[in-house]
C-alpha atoms as a PDB file:
ATOM      1  CA  MET A   1     -22.661  11.897 -18.441  1.00  0.00           C
ATOM      2  CA  GLY A   2     -22.274   9.650 -20.939  1.00  0.00           C
ATOM      3  CA  GLN A   3     -18.722   8.211 -19.583  1.00  0.00           C
ATOM      4  CA  ALA A   4     -20.381   7.454 -16.550  1.00  0.00           C
ATOM      5  CA  ASN A   5     -23.736   5.712 -17.997  1.00  0.00           C
ATOM      6  CA  ALA A   6     -20.426   3.505 -20.387  1.00  0.00           C
ATOM      7  CA  LEU A   7     -18.630   2.554 -16.965  1.00  0.00           C
ATOM      8  CA  PHE A   8     -22.112   1.281 -15.361  1.00  0.00           C
ATOM      9  CA  SER A   9     -22.979  -0.142 -18.158  1.00  0.00           C
ATOM     10  CA  LEU A  10     -20.072  -2.594 -18.023  1.00  0.00           C
ATOM     11  CA  GLY A  11     -22.557  -4.735 -15.196  1.00  0.00           C
ATOM     12  CA  ILE A  12     -21.973  -4.919 -11.163  1.00  0.00           C
ATOM     13  CA  PRO A  13     -19.627  -7.961 -11.472  1.00  0.00           C
ATOM     14  CA  VAL A  14     -17.600  -6.379 -14.189  1.00  0.00           C
ATOM     15  CA  LEU A  15     -16.893  -3.691 -11.667  1.00  0.00           C
ATOM     16  CA  LEU A  16     -16.701  -6.066  -9.069  1.00  0.00           C
ATOM     17  CA  LEU A  17     -13.689  -7.498 -10.640  1.00  0.00           C
ATOM     18  CA  HIS A  18     -11.979  -4.677 -11.727  1.00  0.00           C
ATOM     19  CA  ALA A  19     -12.138  -3.294  -7.984  1.00  0.00           C
ATOM     20  CA  GLY A  20     -11.073  -6.432  -6.540  1.00  0.00           C
ATOM     21  CA  ALA A  21      -8.292  -6.487  -9.146  1.00  0.00           C
ATOM     22  CA  LEU A  22      -7.272  -2.744  -8.180  1.00  0.00           C
ATOM     23  CA  ALA A  23      -7.453  -3.750  -4.459  1.00  0.00           C
ATOM     24  CA  VAL A  24      -4.919  -6.324  -5.007  1.00  0.00           C
ATOM     25  CA  VAL A  25      -2.305  -4.705  -7.456  1.00  0.00           C
ATOM     26  CA  ALA A  26      -2.444  -1.543  -4.891  1.00  0.00           C
ATOM     27  CA  SER A  27      -1.696  -3.554  -2.440  1.00  0.00           C
ATOM     28  CA  LEU A  28       0.878  -5.553  -3.947  1.00  0.00           C
ATOM     29  CA  LEU A  29       2.460  -2.173  -4.675  1.00  0.00           C
ATOM     30  CA  ILE A  30       2.099  -0.857  -1.484  1.00  0.00           C
ATOM     31  CA  TRP A  31       3.779  -3.936  -0.167  1.00  0.00           C
ATOM     32  CA  GLN A  32       6.866  -4.382  -2.933  1.00  0.00           C
ATOM     33  CA  SER A  33       7.333  -0.386  -2.176  1.00  0.00           C
ATOM     34  CA  ALA A  34       7.839  -0.933   1.458  1.00  0.00           C
ATOM     35  CA  HIS A  35      10.512  -3.724   1.260  1.00  0.00           C
ATOM     36  CA  GLY A  36      12.017  -1.917  -1.590  1.00  0.00           C
ATOM     37  CA  ARG A  37      11.601  -4.331  -4.837  1.00  0.00           C
ATOM     38  CA  LEU A  38      10.324  -1.753  -7.106  1.00  0.00           C
ATOM     39  CA  SER A  39      12.958   0.518  -6.842  1.00  0.00           C
ATOM     40  CA  ALA A  40      16.591   0.016  -8.141  1.00  0.00           C
ATOM     41  CA  LYS A  41      18.770  -1.378  -5.630  1.00  0.00           C
ATOM     42  CA  ALA A  42      20.211   1.150  -3.258  1.00  0.00           C
ATOM     43  CA  ARG A  43      23.592   1.828  -3.593  1.00  0.00           C
ATOM     44  CA  ARG A  44      25.641   3.688  -0.303  1.00  0.00           C
ATOM     45  CA  PRO A  45      26.179   7.671  -1.051  1.00  0.00           C
ATOM     46  CA  VAL A  46      29.684   8.622  -1.969  1.00  0.00           C
ATOM     47  CA  ALA A  47      31.310  11.031   0.465  1.00  0.00           C
ATOM     48  CA  GLY A  48      29.617  14.632   1.002  1.00  0.00           C
ATOM     49  CA  GLU A  49      26.725  13.199  -1.560  1.00  0.00           C
ATOM     50  CA  GLU A  50      23.131  13.620   0.136  1.00  0.00           C
ATOM     51  CA  LYS A  51      20.760  11.188  -0.243  1.00  0.00           C
ATOM     52  CA  ALA A  52      17.814  11.634  -2.745  1.00  0.00           C
ATOM     53  CA  PRO A  53      14.237  11.033  -0.372  1.00  0.00           C
ATOM     54  CA  HIS A  54      12.533   8.568  -1.936  1.00  0.00           C
ATOM     55  CA  VAL A  55       9.158   9.862  -3.586  1.00  0.00           C
ATOM     56  CA  GLY A  56       6.171   7.907  -5.113  1.00  0.00           C
ATOM     57  CA  ILE A  57       6.660   4.095  -6.330  1.00  0.00           C
ATOM     58  CA  THR A  58       9.207   3.460  -9.303  1.00  0.00           C
ATOM     59  CA  LEU A  59       7.637   0.826 -11.464  1.00  0.00           C
ATOM     60  CA  HIS A  60      10.649  -0.736 -12.994  1.00  0.00           C
ATOM     61  CA  SER A  61       8.423  -3.517 -14.961  1.00  0.00           C
ATOM     62  CA  ALA A  62       7.192  -3.209 -17.926  1.00  0.00           C
ATOM     63  CA  ALA A  63       4.493  -5.878 -18.285  1.00  0.00           C
ATOM     64  CA  LEU A  64       3.464  -4.344 -14.226  1.00  0.00           C
ATOM     65  CA  TYR A  65       2.579  -0.477 -15.879  1.00  0.00           C
ATOM     66  CA  ASP A  66       0.266  -1.982 -18.728  1.00  0.00           C
ATOM     67  CA  MET A  67      -1.266  -4.303 -16.589  1.00  0.00           C
ATOM     68  CA  LEU A  68      -2.223  -1.184 -14.429  1.00  0.00           C
ATOM     69  CA  ALA A  69      -3.286   1.112 -17.185  1.00  0.00           C
ATOM     70  CA  TRP A  70      -5.154  -2.047 -18.258  1.00  0.00           C
ATOM     71  CA  LEU A  71      -7.003  -1.926 -15.079  1.00  0.00           C
ATOM     72  CA  LEU A  72      -7.291   1.418 -14.114  1.00  0.00           C
ATOM     73  CA  THR A  73      -8.907   2.008 -17.740  1.00  0.00           C
ATOM     74  CA  PHE A  74     -10.955  -1.556 -17.433  1.00  0.00           C
ATOM     75  CA  GLY A  75      -9.708  -2.616 -20.362  1.00  0.00           C
ATOM     76  CA  ARG A  76      -9.987   0.242 -22.616  1.00  0.00           C
ATOM     77  CA  GLU A  77      -6.461   1.517 -22.593  1.00  0.00           C
ATOM     78  CA  ARG A  78      -5.613   0.785 -26.537  1.00  0.00           C
ATOM     79  CA  THR A  79      -8.736   2.771 -27.504  1.00  0.00           C
ATOM     80  CA  PHE A  80      -7.665   5.499 -25.231  1.00  0.00           C
ATOM     81  CA  ARG A  81      -4.474   5.417 -27.411  1.00  0.00           C
ATOM     82  CA  GLU A  82      -6.089   5.474 -30.630  1.00  0.00           C
ATOM     83  CA  ARG A  83      -8.338   8.532 -29.517  1.00  0.00           C
ATOM     84  CA  ILE A  84      -4.836  10.281 -29.077  1.00  0.00           C
ATOM     85  CA  LEU A  85      -3.205   9.708 -32.191  1.00  0.00           C
ATOM     86  CA  SER A  86      -6.643  10.621 -34.307  1.00  0.00           C
ATOM     87  CA  PHE A  87      -6.346  14.116 -32.382  1.00  0.00           C
ATOM     88  CA  ALA A  88      -2.679  13.679 -33.606  1.00  0.00           C
ATOM     89  CA  LYS A  89      -3.811  13.308 -37.426  1.00  0.00           C
ATOM     90  CA  LEU A  90      -0.768  11.679 -38.234  1.00  0.00           C
ATOM     91  CA  LYS A  91       0.103  10.796 -42.086  1.00  0.00           C
ATOM     92  CA  PRO A  92       1.972   7.579 -43.507  1.00  0.00           C
ATOM     93  CA  GLY A  93       5.563   8.028 -43.088  1.00  0.00           C
ATOM     94  CA  GLU A  94       5.235  10.641 -40.062  1.00  0.00           C
ATOM     95  CA  VAL A  95       7.839  10.124 -37.708  1.00  0.00           C
ATOM     96  CA  VAL A  96       6.261   9.804 -34.044  1.00  0.00           C
ATOM     97  CA  LEU A  97       8.974  10.281 -30.444  1.00  0.00           C
ATOM     98  CA  ASP A  98       7.424   9.142 -28.002  1.00  0.00           C
ATOM     99  CA  VAL A  99       9.298  10.669 -24.868  1.00  0.00           C
ATOM    100  CA  GLY A 100       8.187   9.468 -20.890  1.00  0.00           C
ATOM    101  CA  CYS A 101       4.942   8.064 -21.911  1.00  0.00           C
ATOM    102  CA  GLY A 102       5.200   4.826 -20.294  1.00  0.00           C
ATOM    103  CA  THR A 103       6.108   1.279 -22.236  1.00  0.00           C
ATOM    104  CA  GLY A 104       6.074   3.165 -25.540  1.00  0.00           C
ATOM    105  CA  THR A 105       2.682   1.339 -26.742  1.00  0.00           C
ATOM    106  CA  THR A 106       1.391   4.652 -28.189  1.00  0.00           C
ATOM    107  CA  ALA A 107       4.138   4.982 -30.312  1.00  0.00           C
ATOM    108  CA  LEU A 108       4.035   1.390 -31.623  1.00  0.00           C
ATOM    109  CA  LEU A 109       0.236   1.891 -32.386  1.00  0.00           C
ATOM    110  CA  ALA A 110       1.443   4.956 -34.484  1.00  0.00           C
END
């Protein structure tokens, strides 16, 4: 319940701004995906090789990925990353391995 109250405490204009921005980003992703601009360049399959089906949308732009994370978290992604790191209870000098976790901003924050 506290998270819902925090979300609505941002105010209606902020929520509308985020909803509008999210709608723009989603429509751009759908449009670009339909035109193949976000996926790697298509290559012709070699004889006997099956063509893998396209699943989901692949983001090849770190800036787009980070902007989408910022929009989806209402600008609080740094707070989320800091909270994740607080759960890890890292000590100075410890090594962090960041595998498959987006653009590596959590590892940079560590």
